[in-house]
Amino acid sequence: MPNTLVHIGIQTPLTRLGLKKSPLQWIILGCIIPDLPWIVQRILTPFTDPLALRLYSVTQASLAYCLLLALALSMLTRNSRQVFLILAGNSLLHLLIDATQNKWGNGANLLVPFSWYSTNFDLFWPEHFSNYIFSGAGLLVLLFLWPKAINDDLLLEKPGITKALLAVTLILLYFASPILLTTSAYNADVHYSNTLNNKQTRTGKYVEIDRARVNPDTRFLECYIDKELRVTNLPVIHSGTISIRGRFTDPKTLELQEYHIHNFPRSFASYVGLLLSLLLWLQSLIRKNTATIHTGSSNEQ
């Protein structure tokens, strides 16, 4: 999937075309909402069941759950409709942009819980030169708009009882209800979870794995469920990630049919985008708080 800077570089001008006075901070948050489950997954993977966590994250990263979180966050503002439109529109744009890239065994889930079909347009790989262009554009957008953005009105407001109750209810649904859908996701073989997990029955089955790691010492393929996959005719790569298509010849061995080696530093670009986004929000909130204190002091005098 495209990194955070790519989303910011594409989605900020598109949002401003439709909603000219959209605060940059809310646009960026809308760009990040669909990735929040995957960020949490990366943090929690060493501490929990990777299969259950993957199924939970797939559900939570779907359009319906992005809209739930967008509506909950919009309750914290005095113009909930505008903020919801910014967050919801950018969540949808994010998923559609994700779907443009080749992601074997992965994709954008737009119709969960009604359908587990993963949308993929398969237009280009993350290593395509356009990713470098849009990553640079995202960085420039942030740096160019930053000085004005920190002085923009964030529309934040302490919610009343009704808005607060609605926000809490939506947040609870966002975090709790995906657990109820993990079985459906598993039965639908989302991310080939069922195929990969049933080791004794996977002989002869086709599988696609997105961005698996190749262990340079053991030559095993390491995916989110299985860390010891033997792969016939595996290309020589010393480190990094690889996407593959293949078929199991026995419970532990994959016959490789197609592969793509990834070399674009997507994670690093995302870390830069996320860090800058966090700093922008922090600086904006600090400035807002400082201005409120100064206003209060002036009124007392």
Protein backbone atom coordinates (compact mmCIF):
# COMPACT_ATOMS: atom_id res chain seq x y z
CA MET A 1 0.00 0.00 0.00
CA PRO A 2 1.21 3.57 -0.59
CA ASN A 3 3.04 5.21 2.30
CA THR A 4 1.61 8.04 4.41
CA LEU A 5 3.41 10.78 2.46
CA VAL A 6 1.85 9.54 -0.81
CA HIS A 7 -1.63 9.79 0.69
CA ILE A 8 -0.98 13.29 2.00
CA GLY A 9 0.47 14.41 -1.34
CA ILE A 10 -2.54 13.18 -3.31
CA GLN A 11 -5.42 13.63 -0.90
CA THR A 12 -4.71 17.12 0.44
CA PRO A 13 -5.20 18.96 -2.88
CA LEU A 14 -8.17 16.72 -3.78
CA THR A 15 -9.86 17.53 -0.46
CA ARG A 16 -9.20 21.24 -0.83
CA LEU A 17 -10.85 21.13 -4.27
CA GLY A 18 -14.11 20.01 -2.68
CA LEU A 19 -13.81 21.67 0.74
CA LYS A 20 -11.51 24.67 0.36
CA LYS A 21 -11.26 25.55 4.05
CA SER A 22 -10.54 22.04 5.27
CA PRO A 23 -7.95 22.18 8.09
CA LEU A 24 -4.81 20.33 7.09
CA GLN A 25 -4.76 18.49 10.42
CA TRP A 26 -8.13 16.82 9.79
CA ILE A 27 -7.21 15.97 6.20
CA ILE A 28 -4.08 14.22 7.43
CA LEU A 29 -6.00 12.36 10.13
CA GLY A 30 -8.42 11.15 7.45
CA CYS A 31 -5.42 9.93 5.45
CA ILE A 32 -4.22 7.92 8.45
CA ILE A 33 -7.47 6.41 9.80
CA PRO A 34 -7.42 3.31 7.51
CA ASP A 35 -3.83 2.58 8.54
CA LEU A 36 -4.40 2.82 12.30
CA PRO A 37 -5.29 -0.90 12.66
CA TRP A 38 -2.12 -1.89 10.80
CA ILE A 39 0.00 0.41 12.96
CA VAL A 40 -1.47 -1.17 16.09
CA GLN A 41 -1.02 -4.64 14.58
CA ARG A 42 2.69 -4.01 14.04
CA ILE A 43 3.07 -2.95 17.66
CA LEU A 44 1.07 -5.83 19.15
CA THR A 45 2.21 -8.70 16.91
CA PRO A 46 4.98 -9.90 19.28
CA PHE A 47 2.50 -10.07 22.18
CA THR A 48 -0.60 -11.76 20.76
CA ASP A 49 -1.94 -14.35 18.32
CA PRO A 50 -0.91 -13.04 14.87
CA LEU A 51 -3.82 -14.73 13.08
CA ALA A 52 -6.50 -13.32 15.37
CA LEU A 53 -4.83 -9.91 15.25
CA ARG A 54 -4.69 -9.98 11.44
CA LEU A 55 -8.40 -10.85 11.13
CA TYR A 56 -9.29 -8.15 13.66
CA SER A 57 -7.20 -5.56 11.79
CA VAL A 58 -8.62 -6.48 8.38
CA THR A 59 -12.12 -5.85 9.71
CA GLN A 60 -11.21 -2.62 11.47
CA ALA A 61 -9.43 -1.25 8.39
CA SER A 62 -12.55 -1.63 6.24
CA LEU A 63 -14.53 1.36 5.01
CA ALA A 64 -17.43 0.82 7.43
CA TYR A 65 -15.15 0.94 10.46
CA CYS A 66 -13.24 3.94 9.11
CA LEU A 67 -16.59 5.75 8.92
CA LEU A 68 -17.42 4.71 12.49
CA LEU A 69 -14.20 6.25 13.79
CA ALA A 70 -14.63 9.32 11.57
CA LEU A 71 -18.10 9.95 13.00
CA ALA A 72 -16.86 9.44 16.56
CA LEU A 73 -14.03 11.95 16.13
CA SER A 74 -16.31 14.48 14.47
CA MET A 75 -18.38 14.60 17.68
CA LEU A 76 -15.44 16.41 19.31
CA THR A 77 -15.88 19.45 17.07
CA ARG A 78 -18.43 22.22 16.73
CA ASN A 79 -18.86 21.54 13.00
CA SER A 80 -19.32 17.78 13.09
CA ARG A 81 -20.73 17.55 9.59
CA GLN A 82 -17.74 19.24 7.97
CA VAL A 83 -15.17 17.26 9.94
CA PHE A 84 -16.99 13.98 9.28
CA LEU A 85 -17.00 14.70 5.55
CA ILE A 86 -13.26 15.44 5.64
CA LEU A 87 -12.43 12.28 7.59
CA ALA A 88 -14.85 10.01 5.73
CA GLY A 89 -13.88 11.31 2.29
CA ASN A 90 -10.19 10.88 2.97
CA SER A 91 -10.71 7.40 4.41
CA LEU A 92 -12.48 6.39 1.19
CA LEU A 93 -9.79 8.04 -0.94
CA HIS A 94 -7.11 6.24 1.07
CA LEU A 95 -8.68 2.83 0.42
CA LEU A 96 -9.17 3.55 -3.29
CA ILE A 97 -5.55 4.68 -3.63
CA ASP A 98 -4.42 1.55 -1.78
CA ALA A 99 -6.37 -0.53 -4.29
CA THR A 100 -4.39 0.91 -7.20
CA GLN A 101 -1.23 -0.93 -6.12
CA ASN A 102 -0.45 -4.58 -6.68
CA LYS A 103 -1.03 -6.40 -3.39
CA TRP A 104 -1.17 -10.14 -3.83
CA GLY A 105 -3.33 -11.75 -1.17
CA ASN A 106 -4.33 -8.34 0.14
CA GLY A 107 -6.51 -5.41 -0.86
CA ALA A 108 -9.00 -2.74 0.19
CA ASN A 109 -12.11 -4.05 1.93
CA LEU A 110 -14.87 -1.65 0.93
CA LEU A 111 -18.01 -3.68 1.66
CA VAL A 112 -17.33 -5.37 5.03
CA PRO A 113 -19.36 -6.85 6.72
CA PHE A 114 -21.59 -7.49 3.68
CA SER A 115 -18.76 -8.81 1.52
CA TRP A 116 -15.16 -9.82 2.19
CA TYR A 117 -14.11 -9.23 -1.39
CA SER A 118 -10.80 -7.36 -1.52
CA THR A 119 -10.73 -4.62 -4.15
CA ASN A 120 -7.56 -4.54 -6.25
CA PHE A 121 -7.00 -2.57 -9.44
CA ASP A 122 -3.40 -3.89 -9.74
CA LEU A 123 -2.05 -0.86 -11.61
CA PHE A 124 1.52 -0.68 -10.30
CA TRP A 125 3.94 -1.87 -7.64
CA PRO A 126 5.19 0.24 -4.70
CA GLU A 127 8.51 0.53 -6.55
CA HIS A 128 6.89 2.44 -9.42
CA PHE A 129 8.49 5.86 -9.93
CA SER A 130 5.17 7.59 -9.14
CA ASN A 131 5.58 6.58 -5.48
CA TYR A 132 8.80 8.59 -5.29
CA ILE A 133 7.09 11.59 -6.91
CA PHE A 134 4.03 11.51 -4.64
CA SER A 135 6.13 10.85 -1.53
CA GLY A 136 8.11 14.00 -2.32
CA ALA A 137 4.87 15.85 -3.03
CA GLY A 138 3.48 14.81 0.34
CA LEU A 139 6.58 16.10 2.13
CA LEU A 140 6.39 19.41 0.25
CA VAL A 141 2.66 19.78 0.99
CA LEU A 142 3.32 19.32 4.70
CA LEU A 143 6.24 21.74 4.84
CA PHE A 144 4.58 24.37 2.64
CA LEU A 145 1.21 24.40 4.42
CA TRP A 146 2.58 23.91 7.94
CA PRO A 147 3.11 27.60 8.93
CA LYS A 148 -0.49 28.52 8.07
CA ALA A 149 -1.99 25.27 9.33
CA ILE A 150 -0.79 25.70 12.91
CA ASN A 151 -2.84 28.91 13.12
CA ASP A 152 -5.99 27.44 11.56
CA ASP A 153 -9.13 26.85 13.61
CA LEU A 154 -9.28 23.13 14.43
CA LEU A 155 -13.00 23.43 15.24
CA LEU A 156 -12.46 21.51 18.49
CA GLU A 157 -15.16 21.84 21.12
CA LYS A 158 -16.03 20.05 24.35
CA PRO A 159 -18.99 17.87 23.37
CA GLY A 160 -22.36 18.05 25.06
CA ILE A 161 -24.01 15.03 26.64
CA THR A 162 -25.60 13.79 23.39
CA LYS A 163 -22.42 14.09 21.34
CA ALA A 164 -20.31 12.59 24.12
CA LEU A 165 -22.59 9.56 24.46
CA LEU A 166 -22.62 9.07 20.69
CA ALA A 167 -18.84 9.34 20.50
CA VAL A 168 -18.33 6.79 23.29
CA THR A 169 -20.83 4.37 21.70
CA LEU A 170 -19.13 4.63 18.31
CA ILE A 171 -15.66 4.14 19.83
CA LEU A 172 -16.87 1.03 21.67
CA LEU A 173 -18.33 -0.34 18.44
CA TYR A 174 -15.10 0.44 16.60
CA PHE A 175 -12.93 -1.47 19.06
CA ALA A 176 -15.26 -4.25 20.25
CA SER A 177 -17.42 -5.35 17.31
CA PRO A 178 -14.59 -6.47 14.95
CA ILE A 179 -14.11 -9.43 17.31
CA LEU A 180 -17.55 -10.68 16.28
CA LEU A 181 -16.56 -10.68 12.60
CA THR A 182 -13.21 -12.46 12.76
CA THR A 183 -14.80 -15.88 12.16
CA SER A 184 -16.52 -14.59 9.04
CA ALA A 185 -13.24 -13.13 7.80
CA TYR A 186 -11.47 -16.43 8.46
CA ASN A 187 -14.14 -18.48 6.69
CA ALA A 188 -13.89 -16.12 3.72
CA ASP A 189 -10.14 -16.87 3.62
CA VAL A 190 -9.24 -13.19 3.84
CA HIS A 191 -5.49 -12.79 3.24
CA TYR A 192 -5.48 -16.57 2.67
CA SER A 193 -5.75 -16.93 6.44
CA ASN A 194 -7.72 -20.18 6.32
CA THR A 195 -5.43 -21.72 3.70
CA LEU A 196 -2.23 -20.80 5.53
CA ASN A 197 -3.48 -21.78 8.97
CA ASN A 198 -4.72 -25.28 8.08
CA LYS A 199 -1.30 -26.79 7.48
CA GLN A 200 -2.51 -30.39 7.16
CA THR A 201 -5.02 -29.58 4.41
CA ARG A 202 -3.17 -26.98 2.35
CA THR A 203 -1.33 -29.36 0.00
CA GLY A 204 -2.35 -28.52 -3.57
CA LYS A 205 -3.93 -25.20 -2.60
CA TYR A 206 -3.09 -21.91 -4.29
CA VAL A 207 -1.95 -18.99 -2.13
CA GLU A 208 -0.83 -15.39 -2.45
CA ILE A 209 1.28 -13.68 0.20
CA ASP A 210 1.88 -9.94 0.33
CA ARG A 211 5.24 -8.64 1.55
CA ALA A 212 6.59 -11.76 3.25
CA ARG A 213 10.09 -11.70 4.70
CA VAL A 214 12.84 -13.97 3.45
CA ASN A 215 15.13 -15.22 6.20
CA PRO A 216 18.62 -14.94 4.65
CA ASP A 217 20.04 -17.66 6.92
CA THR A 218 17.40 -20.39 6.69
CA ARG A 219 15.97 -19.36 3.28
CA PHE A 220 12.52 -19.78 4.82
CA LEU A 221 9.68 -17.48 3.84
CA GLU A 222 8.16 -15.82 6.91
CA CYS A 223 4.56 -14.60 6.71
CA TYR A 224 2.22 -13.50 9.46
CA ILE A 225 1.15 -17.08 10.33
CA ASP A 226 3.98 -19.38 9.25
CA LYS A 227 7.64 -18.53 9.86
CA GLU A 228 9.07 -21.67 8.24
CA LEU A 229 7.72 -21.91 4.72
CA ARG A 230 10.01 -23.73 2.32
CA VAL A 231 9.80 -22.34 -1.20
CA THR A 232 11.05 -24.10 -4.32
CA ASN A 233 12.89 -21.99 -6.91
CA LEU A 234 13.11 -19.06 -4.50
CA PRO A 235 15.20 -16.22 -6.00
CA VAL A 236 18.41 -15.19 -4.28
CA ILE A 237 17.75 -12.16 -2.10
CA HIS A 238 19.81 -11.37 0.96
CA SER A 239 17.16 -9.49 2.92
CA GLY A 240 13.96 -7.55 2.51
CA THR A 241 10.45 -8.52 1.53
CA ILE A 242 8.89 -10.40 -1.33
CA SER A 243 5.33 -10.91 -2.61
CA ILE A 244 4.62 -14.36 -4.00
CA ARG A 245 2.05 -16.48 -5.78
CA GLY A 246 2.35 -20.22 -5.54
CA ARG A 247 0.85 -23.58 -4.72
CA PHE A 248 1.56 -25.93 -1.83
CA THR A 249 3.23 -29.17 -2.93
CA ASP A 250 3.16 -30.47 0.66
CA PRO A 251 2.16 -28.98 4.04
CA LYS A 252 5.49 -27.18 4.41
CA THR A 253 6.54 -26.40 0.84
CA LEU A 254 5.38 -23.85 -1.70
CA GLU A 255 6.09 -24.11 -5.38
CA LEU A 256 6.75 -20.55 -6.50
CA GLN A 257 4.81 -19.41 -9.57
CA GLU A 258 5.33 -15.63 -9.51
CA TYR A 259 7.24 -13.27 -7.26
CA HIS A 260 8.06 -9.60 -6.82
CA ILE A 261 10.94 -8.31 -4.71
CA HIS A 262 10.22 -5.08 -2.82
CA ASN A 263 12.93 -2.46 -2.48
CA PHE A 264 11.01 0.81 -2.00
CA PRO A 265 11.51 2.07 1.60
CA ARG A 266 7.76 2.27 2.23
CA SER A 267 7.98 1.84 5.99
CA PHE A 268 10.55 4.63 6.38
CA ALA A 269 8.44 7.04 4.27
CA SER A 270 5.38 6.17 6.36
CA TYR A 271 7.28 6.74 9.60
CA VAL A 272 8.35 10.18 8.37
CA GLY A 273 4.78 11.04 7.37
CA LEU A 274 3.32 9.80 10.66
CA LEU A 275 5.94 11.61 12.75
CA LEU A 276 5.40 14.91 10.93
CA SER A 277 1.62 14.52 11.21
CA LEU A 278 1.89 13.93 14.95
CA LEU A 279 4.18 16.95 15.37
CA LEU A 280 1.77 19.15 13.40
CA TRP A 281 -1.14 18.14 15.62
CA LEU A 282 0.91 18.63 18.79
CA GLN A 283 2.16 22.06 17.76
CA SER A 284 -1.34 23.12 16.72
CA LEU A 285 -2.87 21.98 20.02
CA ILE A 286 -0.12 23.66 22.06
CA ARG A 287 -0.58 26.90 20.14
CA LYS A 288 -4.35 26.73 20.60
CA ASN A 289 -3.97 26.10 24.32
CA THR A 290 -1.47 28.96 24.66
CA ALA A 291 -3.79 31.33 22.81
CA THR A 292 -6.69 30.32 25.08
CA ILE A 293 -4.62 30.99 28.20
CA HIS A 294 -3.54 34.41 26.91
CA THR A 295 -7.15 35.29 26.04
CA GLY A 296 -8.28 34.24 29.51
CA SER A 297 -5.57 36.32 31.16
CA SER A 298 -6.48 39.39 29.09
CA ASN A 299 -10.15 39.07 30.03
CA GLU A 300 -9.31 38.86 33.73
CA GLN A 301 -7.32 42.10 33.52
